[in-house]
Amino acid sequence: MSKVKAGGSSKNNHDSPGQRLGVKVFGGQKVNTGQVIVRQTGLTKRGGNGTFVSRNFTIHAEKDGIVKYTKRRFRLFTGKTVQRTEVTVE
């Protein structure tokens, strides 16, 4: 028989790898069709002309060209206007 009680397992022993989010192509750089420009969670940056946003909010290039970042004001659902970065491909 055992002389000590069974010890519990630790509860904080799991760790997931990073999701590799962020800007992949910076302003002024060339992109090809379908190339990932920004990986993000939520719409922190908005897709503009020449881009499309996939289901997980990743911004892709819709055509070949040069990436450009600009600040624009967007209206939220509540009516509040906020400044966001818009990504375009020209």
Protein backbone atom coordinates (compact mmCIF):
# COMPACT_ATOMS: atom_id res chain seq x y z
CA MET A 1 0.00 0.00 0.00
CA SER A 2 1.01 3.57 -0.59
CA LYS A 3 2.13 5.65 2.37
CA VAL A 4 1.19 9.04 0.77
CA LYS A 5 -1.89 10.38 -0.96
CA ALA A 6 -1.89 10.70 -4.73
CA GLY A 7 -0.54 14.09 -5.83
CA GLY A 8 -2.65 16.18 -8.19
CA SER A 9 -1.48 17.03 -11.67
CA SER A 10 -0.41 20.59 -12.39
CA LYS A 11 -3.04 22.71 -14.14
CA ASN A 12 -0.84 25.19 -15.99
CA ASN A 13 1.30 22.84 -18.03
CA HIS A 14 -0.20 23.55 -21.48
CA ASP A 15 1.08 26.19 -23.85
CA SER A 16 0.10 26.90 -27.44
CA PRO A 17 2.45 28.27 -30.08
CA GLY A 18 2.09 31.85 -31.32
CA GLN A 19 -0.22 32.53 -34.25
CA ARG A 20 2.34 34.54 -36.28
CA LEU A 21 0.07 37.57 -36.61
CA GLY A 22 1.10 40.99 -37.88
CA VAL A 23 2.02 42.92 -41.00
CA LYS A 24 3.70 40.68 -43.58
CA VAL A 25 4.19 43.27 -46.38
CA PHE A 26 4.96 46.90 -45.59
CA GLY A 27 4.08 50.06 -47.52
CA GLY A 28 5.89 50.52 -50.82
CA GLN A 29 6.60 46.82 -51.31
CA LYS A 30 5.37 44.79 -54.30
CA VAL A 31 2.76 42.05 -53.88
CA ASN A 32 1.38 39.34 -56.14
CA THR A 33 -2.24 38.25 -56.42
CA GLY A 34 -3.40 36.33 -53.33
CA GLN A 35 -0.38 37.20 -51.22
CA VAL A 36 -0.99 37.80 -47.49
CA ILE A 37 -0.50 41.44 -46.50
CA VAL A 38 -1.72 41.47 -42.87
CA ARG A 39 -2.68 38.64 -40.49
CA GLN A 40 -4.86 39.89 -37.64
CA THR A 41 -7.58 38.98 -35.17
CA GLY A 42 -10.50 41.34 -35.70
CA LEU A 43 -10.56 44.27 -38.12
CA THR A 44 -7.77 46.40 -36.65
CA LYS A 45 -6.77 47.27 -40.24
CA ARG A 46 -9.35 47.60 -43.04
CA GLY A 47 -9.04 46.30 -46.58
CA GLY A 48 -9.37 48.89 -49.34
CA ASN A 49 -9.14 48.86 -53.14
CA GLY A 50 -7.17 45.94 -54.57
CA THR A 51 -7.53 43.80 -51.43
CA PHE A 52 -9.96 41.30 -49.97
CA VAL A 53 -10.51 40.17 -46.38
CA SER A 54 -10.83 36.44 -45.66
CA ARG A 55 -12.94 34.80 -42.96
CA ASN A 56 -10.22 35.05 -40.29
CA PHE A 57 -9.70 38.80 -41.05
CA THR A 58 -6.51 38.21 -43.05
CA ILE A 59 -6.01 40.86 -45.74
CA HIS A 60 -4.88 39.49 -49.14
CA ALA A 61 -3.86 41.19 -52.37
CA GLU A 62 -6.54 40.99 -55.07
CA LYS A 63 -4.13 42.00 -57.83
CA ASP A 64 -0.45 42.61 -58.46
CA GLY A 65 0.78 46.01 -57.31
CA ILE A 66 2.32 48.08 -54.53
CA VAL A 67 0.96 48.18 -50.97
CA LYS A 68 -0.09 51.51 -49.47
CA TYR A 69 -1.22 52.25 -45.89
CA THR A 70 -3.39 55.28 -45.11
CA LYS A 71 -5.32 56.50 -42.07
CA ARG A 72 -9.09 56.87 -42.55
CA ARG A 73 -12.08 57.49 -40.34
CA PHE A 74 -14.69 54.71 -40.24
CA ARG A 75 -18.17 54.76 -38.73
CA LEU A 76 -18.90 51.96 -36.27
CA PHE A 77 -22.28 50.26 -35.85
CA THR A 78 -22.98 52.50 -32.85
CA GLY A 79 -22.49 55.64 -34.95
CA LYS A 80 -19.12 56.53 -33.42
CA THR A 81 -16.34 57.38 -35.89
CA VAL A 82 -12.87 55.96 -35.26
CA GLN A 83 -9.56 56.22 -37.08
CA ARG A 84 -8.33 53.00 -38.67
CA THR A 85 -5.54 52.04 -41.06
CA GLU A 86 -6.71 51.17 -44.57
CA VAL A 87 -4.63 48.85 -46.74
CA THR A 88 -4.78 49.30 -50.52
CA VAL A 89 -2.93 47.82 -53.49
CA GLU A 90 -2.28 50.17 -56.42
